[in-house]
Amino acid sequence: MAGGSGTRLWPLSRAAHPKQFLRLYGENTMLQDTVNRLDALNIESMVTICSEECRFFVAEQLREIGKAGNIILEPVGRNTAPAIALAAFAEEGDPLMLVLAADHVIQDESKFAESIQNAISLAQAGKLVTFGITPREAHKGYGYIKRGSALDNGFVVEEFAEKPSVELAEEYVSSGEHYWNSGMFLMKVSRYLQELKKFRPEIHETCERAVAAAAVDLDFLRISKDIFEKCPSDSIDYAVMENTKDAVVVPMDAGWSDIGSWSSLWEVSDKDDKGNATQGDVLMHDVSNSYVRSESRLVAAIGVEDLVIVSTKDAVMVAHKDRVQDIKLIVQDLKNDARSEWELPREVRRPWGYYDSIDNGSRYQAKRITVKPGAKLSVQMHHHRAEHWIVVSGTAKVTNGDETFLLSENQSTYIPIGGVHALENPGKVNLEIIEVQTGSYLGEDDIVRFEDKYGRY
């Protein structure tokens, strides 16, 4: 499951570029780490569920690590119970279905695989298995699972508990009978659909119809929006796991974290002898127990403790570690003020490459555009802006009105308002150009597409 916006990890995570597609922890993105983690298991096939807007992130990041799998596009978000149902209905036969979120950190992958193996016999016997994380502390940010009687390698689930107070979390941990609720599951496809139909028949019926009406689009299975948007929104916990009599919890002690906030990322990161975790160009003096991260420039911190400082190309966020949950309030303020920083980073990924908005002002905007070898931007036009293109490196194949021609380093062209145009990289190395836009309106929605190899219209 690769949905979600990760607003509590702003300004790095944005609505249009959420945390599961970022390199927050290690060299790979969180999605890539999740997929690579499956190498230790006997996986027959893989399905990734994501939003329409994130489909090219998934396809490109799977390609980068040499993995392939089906990609299901949710036209709207409806929480985890319907998402899992889409994957179940799209599957042929009745295999075991391992459900994972794409934004978890697992530090001990051998123990992760061991817990999955321990759950297989239970799932084959018709149980709906969830994985309970052995708690490291009385964490109030996670839900808890209370175990009951032992059953093979697991325990019957006695109770699911909501995120507790600190005092109640301490009672849970000291009892030795509670686990953190990981949000990972193993079950037969048929058993999940049976229990979903029993307890949430409207979700079952809507998802079945939505998959039946789905269309194949390039590498994607596009779910019918007209049908699926009518589906009730509910989590698998509320819809199924808290109602079924066959819920089983298998313990997992694998260094798990869901990286739900900057403080949780600080917890799993390597730290210096003063408890600081840093990334990027950072200088510190007399700093302790802090997380400091720079994506593009020098960040200096002096005489502070217990802070989170994150600098991106277009924003700087400073928060006390105990208040990082309130970052969502800043994101909401940005959204209310119609500012773009809540949704888009300065560097925006596209299926053909990416662009970096390096400067803007009244009636102008400058971008650095990078186009991958063999990639092509859509054939398009703009009603309100003209564009100047200057090639910095590589070779550009340009369509400008009725003409098509090549441009090389230091050459340029001008696209007038209303001119039909396209940009393509016919070479073997990245094409980099500087684009200067001028006009009365410079928004990304002033694009009329006539042809697009990636199906965007």
Foldseek 3Di string as FASTA:
>chain_A
DEEDQLLLAPPVTFNLRHQLLDPLDDDHGLLLVVVVLCPVDDDPADEAEYAPSCVLSVVVSCVVVPHDHAYEHDPDDQAALLRVLLVLLVDPDKDKDKDDYSQKDFQASVLVVVLVVQCVVLQVVFFKEFAFELDPALDLPFKKWFFDDDDRQWGFTPDTGHRDDSVVSRVQNVVVGMGTGRLIIIHISVSSLVQLCVQPVQSSVLSNVQQVPWDDDPRHTYTDPVRVVPHHHDYCCVRGVRPDRRYIYHYTHGLMDSCSHPLSSLVSADADPQSEDEEDQEAEECEHNEYAYEDPDYDYYYNYYQWYWYYYPPDIDIDRVVCSVCSVVVLVVCVVVVHCSNHDDQWAADSQGIKGFPDDDQFKTKIKDKGAAFGKDFFKAFQWKKKKKAWQAAKKFKDWAPDTDIDGHGDIDIHDHPITMMIHHNDHGMTIIMMMMGGNDDDPVRIDGDDHPNPDD
